[in-house]
Amino acid sequence: MHLYDALLMECDNLDIEVYEKDRMKNKGLYGDNVIWINKLLPSIIEKCCVLAEEIGHHHTTAGDIFDQSSIENRKQELKARGWAYERLIPLSKIIQAHKLHIVNRYEFADFLNVTEDFLDDALDWYKNKYGLCVSIDNFTICFEPLGVIEMFDWIETPKLKYGT
């Protein structure tokens, strides 16, 4: 099952109707438990990223925020995007990609089933949220440059005595 289908099922569980429409000026819109996705987006991966953001609006947005000249509306837009970034690219997936030896942006975006632009925006968002690095368990994720450092638990081994 593709991630887009999983998000559609999530919408169904949240009683959100989802429609793909052509002739839309925007990539997606959310209002009153209805999401519209631009049918002409070039890939299902891009539709997935847009759908996640629109679900983010369901969880984080109040009122009409269409006018982005308002600072409050821009803050709500950023909250919805942040929700989408954390939903599609949780920090645990960055660690998992490190463990799988994924080494470039294209492979990383492909592994996550997101667009490279969405990935870049998510990493910028995480950097703004946490600073240059964040530690989770035995790992430190650095956002600039992107990398994961794994810490080891040093266990002192008993010293062998020779000649006794």
N, C-alpha and C. Protein backbone atom coordinates (compact mmCIF):
# COMPACT_ATOMS: atom_id res chain seq x y z
N MET A 1 0.84 -1.17 0.00
CA MET A 1 0.00 0.00 0.00
C MET A 1 0.89 1.24 0.00
N HIS A 2 0.61 2.15 -0.87
CA HIS A 2 1.36 3.41 -0.95
C HIS A 2 0.95 4.32 0.21
N LEU A 3 1.86 5.17 0.62
CA LEU A 3 1.62 6.09 1.72
C LEU A 3 0.39 6.97 1.45
N TYR A 4 0.18 7.33 0.18
CA TYR A 4 -0.99 8.14 -0.18
C TYR A 4 -2.28 7.40 0.21
N ASP A 5 -2.32 6.12 -0.06
CA ASP A 5 -3.50 5.32 0.29
C ASP A 5 -3.68 5.25 1.81
N ALA A 6 -2.57 5.13 2.53
CA ALA A 6 -2.64 5.11 4.00
C ALA A 6 -3.19 6.43 4.53
N LEU A 7 -2.76 7.54 3.92
CA LEU A 7 -3.28 8.85 4.35
C LEU A 7 -4.76 8.99 4.01
N LEU A 8 -5.18 8.45 2.87
CA LEU A 8 -6.60 8.47 2.52
C LEU A 8 -7.42 7.68 3.55
N MET A 9 -6.88 6.54 4.00
CA MET A 9 -7.57 5.76 5.03
C MET A 9 -7.62 6.54 6.35
N GLU A 10 -6.54 7.25 6.65
CA GLU A 10 -6.53 8.10 7.85
C GLU A 10 -7.62 9.16 7.76
N CYS A 11 -7.77 9.76 6.57
CA CYS A 11 -8.83 10.76 6.37
C CYS A 11 -10.20 10.13 6.58
N ASP A 12 -10.38 8.93 6.08
CA ASP A 12 -11.65 8.23 6.25
C ASP A 12 -11.95 8.03 7.74
N ASN A 13 -10.92 7.65 8.50
CA ASN A 13 -11.10 7.45 9.95
C ASN A 13 -11.40 8.76 10.68
N LEU A 14 -10.94 9.88 10.12
CA LEU A 14 -11.18 11.19 10.72
C LEU A 14 -12.46 11.85 10.19
N ASP A 15 -13.19 11.12 9.33
CA ASP A 15 -14.40 11.65 8.68
C ASP A 15 -14.10 12.88 7.83
N ILE A 16 -12.96 12.83 7.13
CA ILE A 16 -12.59 13.88 6.19
C ILE A 16 -12.82 13.34 4.78
N GLU A 17 -13.56 14.07 3.98
CA GLU A 17 -13.76 13.69 2.58
C GLU A 17 -12.60 14.25 1.76
N VAL A 18 -12.11 13.45 0.80
CA VAL A 18 -10.99 13.88 -0.04
C VAL A 18 -11.43 13.78 -1.50
N TYR A 19 -11.21 14.86 -2.24
CA TYR A 19 -11.54 14.90 -3.66
C TYR A 19 -10.32 15.37 -4.44
N GLU A 20 -10.09 14.76 -5.58
CA GLU A 20 -9.08 15.26 -6.51
C GLU A 20 -9.81 16.04 -7.59
N LYS A 21 -9.42 17.29 -7.76
CA LYS A 21 -10.09 18.18 -8.71
C LYS A 21 -9.06 18.76 -9.66
N ASP A 22 -9.44 18.89 -10.93
CA ASP A 22 -8.56 19.61 -11.85
C ASP A 22 -9.00 21.07 -11.86
N ARG A 23 -8.25 21.89 -12.53
CA ARG A 23 -8.49 23.34 -12.61
C ARG A 23 -8.44 24.03 -11.24
N MET A 24 -7.53 23.57 -10.39
CA MET A 24 -7.31 24.24 -9.10
C MET A 24 -6.11 25.15 -9.22
N LYS A 25 -6.17 26.30 -8.59
CA LYS A 25 -5.03 27.21 -8.57
C LYS A 25 -4.00 26.76 -7.55
N ASN A 26 -4.46 26.14 -6.47
CA ASN A 26 -3.57 25.67 -5.40
C ASN A 26 -3.29 24.18 -5.56
N LYS A 27 -2.28 23.72 -4.82
CA LYS A 27 -1.99 22.28 -4.81
C LYS A 27 -3.03 21.53 -3.99
N GLY A 28 -3.52 22.17 -2.94
CA GLY A 28 -4.52 21.55 -2.09
C GLY A 28 -5.21 22.58 -1.22
N LEU A 29 -6.39 22.22 -0.73
CA LEU A 29 -7.16 23.09 0.15
C LEU A 29 -7.87 22.23 1.19
N TYR A 30 -8.08 22.81 2.38
CA TYR A 30 -8.84 22.14 3.42
C TYR A 30 -9.89 23.09 3.96
N GLY A 31 -11.09 22.58 4.19
CA GLY A 31 -12.13 23.36 4.85
C GLY A 31 -13.28 22.47 5.24
N ASP A 32 -13.75 22.62 6.46
CA ASP A 32 -14.95 21.92 6.94
C ASP A 32 -14.92 20.42 6.65
N ASN A 33 -13.82 19.77 7.06
CA ASN A 33 -13.65 18.32 6.91
C ASN A 33 -13.68 17.84 5.46
N VAL A 34 -13.27 18.71 4.55
CA VAL A 34 -13.13 18.34 3.14
C VAL A 34 -11.75 18.79 2.66
N ILE A 35 -11.07 17.88 1.95
CA ILE A 35 -9.77 18.21 1.35
C ILE A 35 -9.91 18.08 -0.15
N TRP A 36 -9.40 19.10 -0.85
CA TRP A 36 -9.32 19.05 -2.30
C TRP A 36 -7.85 19.00 -2.68
N ILE A 37 -7.49 18.04 -3.51
CA ILE A 37 -6.12 17.88 -4.01
C ILE A 37 -6.14 18.15 -5.50
N ASN A 38 -5.17 18.92 -5.97
CA ASN A 38 -5.07 19.20 -7.39
C ASN A 38 -4.76 17.92 -8.15
N LYS A 39 -5.68 17.51 -8.98
CA LYS A 39 -5.56 16.26 -9.75
C LYS A 39 -4.39 16.30 -10.73
N LEU A 40 -3.96 17.49 -11.11
CA LEU A 40 -2.91 17.63 -12.11
C LEU A 40 -1.51 17.67 -11.53
N LEU A 41 -1.36 17.40 -10.24
CA LEU A 41 -0.01 17.32 -9.67
C LEU A 41 0.73 16.19 -10.37
N PRO A 42 2.03 16.34 -10.58
CA PRO A 42 2.76 15.42 -11.46
C PRO A 42 2.97 14.00 -10.93
N SER A 43 2.85 13.77 -9.61
CA SER A 43 3.12 12.43 -9.11
C SER A 43 2.29 12.14 -7.87
N ILE A 44 2.12 10.87 -7.57
CA ILE A 44 1.41 10.47 -6.36
C ILE A 44 2.22 10.87 -5.13
N ILE A 45 3.54 10.95 -5.27
CA ILE A 45 4.38 11.37 -4.15
C ILE A 45 4.10 12.83 -3.79
N GLU A 46 3.97 13.68 -4.81
CA GLU A 46 3.64 15.08 -4.53
C GLU A 46 2.23 15.20 -3.95
N LYS A 47 1.29 14.41 -4.46
CA LYS A 47 -0.06 14.41 -3.90
C LYS A 47 -0.03 13.98 -2.43
N CYS A 48 0.83 13.04 -2.10
CA CYS A 48 0.97 12.56 -0.74
C CYS A 48 1.44 13.69 0.19
N CYS A 49 2.43 14.43 -0.25
CA CYS A 49 2.95 15.55 0.56
C CYS A 49 1.88 16.61 0.77
N VAL A 50 1.12 16.91 -0.28
CA VAL A 50 0.05 17.91 -0.18
C VAL A 50 -1.06 17.39 0.74
N LEU A 51 -1.43 16.12 0.59
CA LEU A 51 -2.48 15.56 1.43
C LEU A 51 -2.08 15.60 2.90
N ALA A 52 -0.82 15.29 3.20
CA ALA A 52 -0.36 15.34 4.59
C ALA A 52 -0.49 16.75 5.15
N GLU A 53 -0.13 17.75 4.36
CA GLU A 53 -0.26 19.13 4.85
C GLU A 53 -1.72 19.49 5.08
N GLU A 54 -2.59 19.06 4.20
CA GLU A 54 -4.01 19.38 4.38
C GLU A 54 -4.59 18.67 5.60
N ILE A 55 -4.14 17.44 5.88
CA ILE A 55 -4.55 16.77 7.12
C ILE A 55 -4.00 17.56 8.32
N GLY A 56 -2.81 18.11 8.15
CA GLY A 56 -2.24 18.97 9.19
C GLY A 56 -3.14 20.16 9.48
N HIS A 57 -3.75 20.72 8.45
CA HIS A 57 -4.69 21.82 8.66
C HIS A 57 -5.89 21.35 9.49
N HIS A 58 -6.34 20.14 9.23
CA HIS A 58 -7.46 19.59 10.01
C HIS A 58 -7.10 19.56 11.50
N HIS A 59 -5.86 19.18 11.81
CA HIS A 59 -5.44 19.04 13.20
C HIS A 59 -5.01 20.35 13.86
N THR A 60 -4.57 21.34 13.09
CA THR A 60 -3.93 22.51 13.70
C THR A 60 -4.56 23.86 13.38
N THR A 61 -5.41 23.95 12.39
CA THR A 61 -5.87 25.25 11.89
C THR A 61 -7.28 25.56 12.38
N ALA A 62 -7.50 26.83 12.70
CA ALA A 62 -8.84 27.29 13.08
C ALA A 62 -9.22 28.47 12.20
N GLY A 63 -10.39 28.40 11.59
CA GLY A 63 -10.88 29.52 10.80
C GLY A 63 -10.30 29.56 9.40
N ASP A 64 -10.60 30.65 8.72
CA ASP A 64 -10.16 30.86 7.34
C ASP A 64 -8.78 31.51 7.36
N ILE A 65 -7.78 30.79 6.85
CA ILE A 65 -6.41 31.34 6.84
C ILE A 65 -5.93 31.61 5.41
N PHE A 66 -6.87 31.76 4.50
CA PHE A 66 -6.52 31.92 3.09
C PHE A 66 -5.68 33.18 2.85
N ASP A 67 -5.94 34.25 3.58
CA ASP A 67 -5.19 35.49 3.44
C ASP A 67 -3.85 35.35 4.17
N GLN A 68 -2.79 35.09 3.41
CA GLN A 68 -1.48 34.86 4.00
C GLN A 68 -0.71 36.15 4.29
N SER A 69 -1.35 37.31 4.12
CA SER A 69 -0.70 38.56 4.52
C SER A 69 -0.80 38.75 6.04
N SER A 70 -1.67 37.98 6.67
CA SER A 70 -1.82 38.04 8.13
C SER A 70 -0.76 37.16 8.80
N ILE A 71 -0.07 37.71 9.79
CA ILE A 71 0.96 36.95 10.51
C ILE A 71 0.35 35.74 11.19
N GLU A 72 -0.82 35.89 11.80
CA GLU A 72 -1.48 34.76 12.48
C GLU A 72 -1.81 33.65 11.49
N ASN A 73 -2.26 34.01 10.31
CA ASN A 73 -2.57 32.99 9.30
C ASN A 73 -1.31 32.28 8.82
N ARG A 74 -0.22 33.02 8.68
CA ARG A 74 1.05 32.39 8.28
C ARG A 74 1.54 31.44 9.36
N LYS A 75 1.35 31.80 10.63
CA LYS A 75 1.73 30.91 11.73
C LYS A 75 0.92 29.61 11.68
N GLN A 76 -0.37 29.72 11.40
CA GLN A 76 -1.20 28.52 11.30
C GLN A 76 -0.79 27.66 10.10
N GLU A 77 -0.43 28.30 9.02
CA GLU A 77 0.06 27.56 7.84
C GLU A 77 1.32 26.79 8.20
N LEU A 78 2.21 27.42 8.92
CA LEU A 78 3.46 26.77 9.33
C LEU A 78 3.19 25.60 10.28
N LYS A 79 2.22 25.75 11.17
CA LYS A 79 1.86 24.65 12.07
C LYS A 79 1.38 23.44 11.28
N ALA A 80 0.55 23.68 10.27
CA ALA A 80 0.04 22.57 9.46
C ALA A 80 1.18 21.90 8.69
N ARG A 81 2.09 22.69 8.17
CA ARG A 81 3.24 22.11 7.47
C ARG A 81 4.12 21.32 8.43
N GLY A 82 4.33 21.87 9.62
CA GLY A 82 5.11 21.16 10.63
C GLY A 82 4.49 19.82 10.98
N TRP A 83 3.17 19.81 11.09
CA TRP A 83 2.48 18.55 11.36
C TRP A 83 2.77 17.55 10.25
N ALA A 84 2.71 18.01 9.01
CA ALA A 84 2.97 17.13 7.86
C ALA A 84 4.42 16.64 7.85
N TYR A 85 5.37 17.53 8.16
CA TYR A 85 6.77 17.12 8.20
C TYR A 85 6.99 16.03 9.24
N GLU A 86 6.41 16.23 10.43
CA GLU A 86 6.60 15.24 11.49
C GLU A 86 5.87 13.94 11.18
N ARG A 87 4.78 14.02 10.45
CA ARG A 87 4.01 12.81 10.10
C ARG A 87 4.74 11.99 9.03
N LEU A 88 5.27 12.67 8.00
CA LEU A 88 5.90 11.94 6.89
C LEU A 88 7.40 11.71 7.10
N ILE A 89 8.05 12.56 7.89
CA ILE A 89 9.49 12.43 8.12
C ILE A 89 9.77 12.53 9.62
N PRO A 90 9.34 11.55 10.38
CA PRO A 90 9.67 11.59 11.81
C PRO A 90 11.18 11.42 11.99
N LEU A 91 11.70 11.91 13.09
CA LEU A 91 13.14 11.82 13.33
C LEU A 91 13.62 10.37 13.31
N SER A 92 12.77 9.45 13.71
CA SER A 92 13.15 8.02 13.68
C SER A 92 13.45 7.55 12.26
N LYS A 93 12.79 8.12 11.25
CA LYS A 93 13.06 7.74 9.86
C LYS A 93 14.43 8.26 9.41
N ILE A 94 14.86 9.39 9.93
CA ILE A 94 16.19 9.90 9.60
C ILE A 94 17.24 8.94 10.15
N ILE A 95 17.02 8.46 11.36
CA ILE A 95 17.94 7.50 11.96
C ILE A 95 17.91 6.18 11.18
N GLN A 96 16.72 5.76 10.78
CA GLN A 96 16.59 4.52 10.00
C GLN A 96 17.33 4.64 8.67
N ALA A 97 17.23 5.78 8.02
CA ALA A 97 17.94 5.99 6.76
C ALA A 97 19.45 5.92 6.97
N HIS A 98 19.91 6.45 8.08
CA HIS A 98 21.34 6.37 8.43
C HIS A 98 21.77 4.91 8.57
N LYS A 99 20.97 4.14 9.27
CA LYS A 99 21.29 2.72 9.47
C LYS A 99 21.29 1.94 8.15
N LEU A 100 20.49 2.39 7.18
CA LEU A 100 20.42 1.74 5.87
C LEU A 100 21.49 2.28 4.91
N HIS A 101 22.33 3.18 5.39
CA HIS A 101 23.44 3.76 4.61
C HIS A 101 22.95 4.54 3.39
N ILE A 102 21.83 5.23 3.55
CA ILE A 102 21.35 6.11 2.49
C ILE A 102 22.23 7.34 2.50
N VAL A 103 22.79 7.68 1.35
CA VAL A 103 23.86 8.68 1.34
C VAL A 103 23.56 9.95 0.56
N ASN A 104 22.45 10.00 -0.19
CA ASN A 104 22.20 11.25 -0.92
C ASN A 104 20.73 11.65 -0.82
N ARG A 105 20.49 12.88 -1.19
CA ARG A 105 19.18 13.51 -1.07
C ARG A 105 18.11 12.76 -1.87
N TYR A 106 18.45 12.35 -3.09
CA TYR A 106 17.49 11.64 -3.94
C TYR A 106 17.07 10.32 -3.30
N GLU A 107 18.05 9.52 -2.84
CA GLU A 107 17.75 8.23 -2.20
C GLU A 107 16.94 8.44 -0.92
N PHE A 108 17.28 9.48 -0.18
CA PHE A 108 16.60 9.77 1.07
C PHE A 108 15.13 10.11 0.81
N ALA A 109 14.87 11.00 -0.15
CA ALA A 109 13.50 11.36 -0.49
C ALA A 109 12.73 10.14 -1.00
N ASP A 110 13.39 9.32 -1.81
CA ASP A 110 12.76 8.11 -2.33
C ASP A 110 12.41 7.15 -1.19
N PHE A 111 13.32 6.96 -0.25
CA PHE A 111 13.09 6.11 0.91
C PHE A 111 11.89 6.58 1.71
N LEU A 112 11.73 7.89 1.84
CA LEU A 112 10.65 8.47 2.63
C LEU A 112 9.34 8.61 1.85
N ASN A 113 9.39 8.44 0.54
CA ASN A 113 8.23 8.65 -0.34
C ASN A 113 7.73 10.09 -0.29
N VAL A 114 8.68 11.02 -0.31
CA VAL A 114 8.36 12.45 -0.36
C VAL A 114 9.16 13.08 -1.49
N THR A 115 8.78 14.28 -1.87
CA THR A 115 9.55 15.00 -2.88
C THR A 115 10.82 15.55 -2.24
N GLU A 116 11.81 15.83 -3.07
CA GLU A 116 13.05 16.42 -2.56
C GLU A 116 12.78 17.80 -1.96
N ASP A 117 11.88 18.57 -2.56
CA ASP A 117 11.54 19.89 -2.01
C ASP A 117 10.89 19.76 -0.63
N PHE A 118 9.98 18.81 -0.48
CA PHE A 118 9.34 18.57 0.81
C PHE A 118 10.39 18.18 1.85
N LEU A 119 11.32 17.31 1.46
CA LEU A 119 12.40 16.89 2.35
C LEU A 119 13.24 18.09 2.79
N ASP A 120 13.64 18.92 1.84
CA ASP A 120 14.43 20.11 2.16
C ASP A 120 13.69 21.03 3.13
N ASP A 121 12.40 21.25 2.85
CA ASP A 121 11.60 22.12 3.72
C ASP A 121 11.46 21.52 5.12
N ALA A 122 11.29 20.20 5.19
CA ALA A 122 11.17 19.53 6.49
C ALA A 122 12.45 19.67 7.29
N LEU A 123 13.59 19.49 6.64
CA LEU A 123 14.87 19.61 7.34
C LEU A 123 15.09 21.04 7.83
N ASP A 124 14.69 22.03 7.03
CA ASP A 124 14.76 23.43 7.48
C ASP A 124 13.85 23.65 8.69
N TRP A 125 12.66 23.07 8.64
CA TRP A 125 11.71 23.22 9.73
C TRP A 125 12.27 22.60 11.01
N TYR A 126 12.85 21.38 10.90
CA TYR A 126 13.46 20.74 12.07
C TYR A 126 14.62 21.59 12.61
N LYS A 127 15.41 22.15 11.71
CA LYS A 127 16.54 22.99 12.14
C LYS A 127 16.03 24.22 12.90
N ASN A 128 14.94 24.81 12.43
CA ASN A 128 14.36 25.95 13.14
C ASN A 128 13.76 25.54 14.48
N LYS A 129 13.25 24.33 14.55
CA LYS A 129 12.63 23.84 15.79
C LYS A 129 13.67 23.44 16.83
N TYR A 130 14.72 22.71 16.41
CA TYR A 130 15.67 22.13 17.35
C TYR A 130 17.04 22.79 17.37
N GLY A 131 17.34 23.62 16.38
CA GLY A 131 18.70 24.13 16.23
C GLY A 131 19.48 23.21 15.30
N LEU A 132 20.79 23.28 15.34
CA LEU A 132 21.60 22.51 14.40
C LEU A 132 21.56 21.01 14.65
N CYS A 133 21.32 20.58 15.91
CA CYS A 133 21.34 19.15 16.24
C CYS A 133 20.26 18.84 17.27
N VAL A 134 19.86 17.57 17.28
CA VAL A 134 18.96 17.06 18.31
C VAL A 134 19.39 15.64 18.64
N SER A 135 19.34 15.29 19.93
CA SER A 135 19.74 13.95 20.37
C SER A 135 18.51 13.12 20.71
N ILE A 136 18.53 11.89 20.23
CA ILE A 136 17.47 10.93 20.50
C ILE A 136 18.14 9.60 20.83
N ASP A 137 17.90 9.09 22.02
CA ASP A 137 18.51 7.84 22.47
C ASP A 137 20.02 7.94 22.28
N ASN A 138 20.62 7.01 21.55
CA ASN A 138 22.08 7.01 21.33
C ASN A 138 22.47 7.70 20.03
N PHE A 139 21.61 8.52 19.48
CA PHE A 139 21.87 9.16 18.19
C PHE A 139 21.78 10.67 18.32
N THR A 140 22.60 11.36 17.55
CA THR A 140 22.49 12.80 17.40
C THR A 140 22.28 13.08 15.92
N ILE A 141 21.19 13.76 15.60
CA ILE A 141 20.90 14.14 14.23
C ILE A 141 21.36 15.57 14.05
N CYS A 142 22.25 15.79 13.09
CA CYS A 142 22.71 17.13 12.74
C CYS A 142 21.99 17.54 11.46
N PHE A 143 21.45 18.74 11.43
CA PHE A 143 20.66 19.19 10.29
C PHE A 143 21.47 19.97 9.27
N GLU A 144 22.65 20.47 9.68
CA GLU A 144 23.47 21.23 8.74
C GLU A 144 24.93 21.03 9.06
N PRO A 145 25.65 20.24 8.30
CA PRO A 145 25.15 19.40 7.21
C PRO A 145 24.39 18.21 7.80
N LEU A 146 23.50 17.63 6.99
CA LEU A 146 22.69 16.52 7.47
C LEU A 146 23.56 15.31 7.75
N GLY A 147 23.42 14.77 8.93
CA GLY A 147 24.15 13.57 9.30
C GLY A 147 23.65 13.03 10.63
N VAL A 148 23.96 11.78 10.88
CA VAL A 148 23.57 11.14 12.12
C VAL A 148 24.82 10.59 12.78
N ILE A 149 24.98 10.89 14.04
CA ILE A 149 26.11 10.39 14.82
C ILE A 149 25.55 9.37 15.81
N GLU A 150 26.13 8.19 15.80
CA GLU A 150 25.69 7.15 16.72
C GLU A 150 26.68 7.05 17.86
N MET A 151 26.18 7.14 19.08
CA MET A 151 27.03 7.03 20.26
C MET A 151 27.08 5.57 20.69
N PHE A 152 28.20 5.18 21.21
CA PHE A 152 28.37 3.81 21.66
C PHE A 152 28.43 3.79 23.17
N ASP A 153 27.89 2.73 23.75
CA ASP A 153 28.03 2.49 25.18
C ASP A 153 29.34 1.76 25.38
N TRP A 154 30.27 2.40 26.06
CA TRP A 154 31.57 1.77 26.29
C TRP A 154 31.46 0.89 27.52
N ILE A 155 31.72 -0.36 27.32
CA ILE A 155 31.71 -1.31 28.42
C ILE A 155 33.16 -1.71 28.66
N GLU A 156 33.59 -1.51 29.87
CA GLU A 156 34.97 -1.83 30.18
C GLU A 156 35.11 -3.35 30.27
N THR A 157 36.05 -3.86 29.52
CA THR A 157 36.29 -5.31 29.53
C THR A 157 37.31 -5.65 30.61
N PRO A 158 37.15 -6.79 31.22
CA PRO A 158 38.11 -7.17 32.26
C PRO A 158 39.48 -7.39 31.64
N LYS A 159 40.50 -6.99 32.37
CA LYS A 159 41.87 -7.16 31.89
C LYS A 159 42.35 -8.58 32.21
N LEU A 160 42.95 -9.17 31.23
CA LEU A 160 43.47 -10.54 31.42
C LEU A 160 44.85 -10.46 32.05
N LYS A 161 45.08 -11.34 32.94
CA LYS A 161 46.40 -11.40 33.59
C LYS A 161 47.18 -12.56 32.98
N TYR A 162 48.34 -12.26 32.51
CA TYR A 162 49.16 -13.30 31.89
C TYR A 162 50.19 -13.79 32.89
N GLY A 163 50.50 -15.07 32.80
CA GLY A 163 51.56 -15.66 33.59
C GLY A 163 51.16 -15.95 35.03
N THR A 164 49.89 -16.01 35.31
CA THR A 164 49.50 -16.33 36.68
C THR A 164 48.96 -17.73 36.78
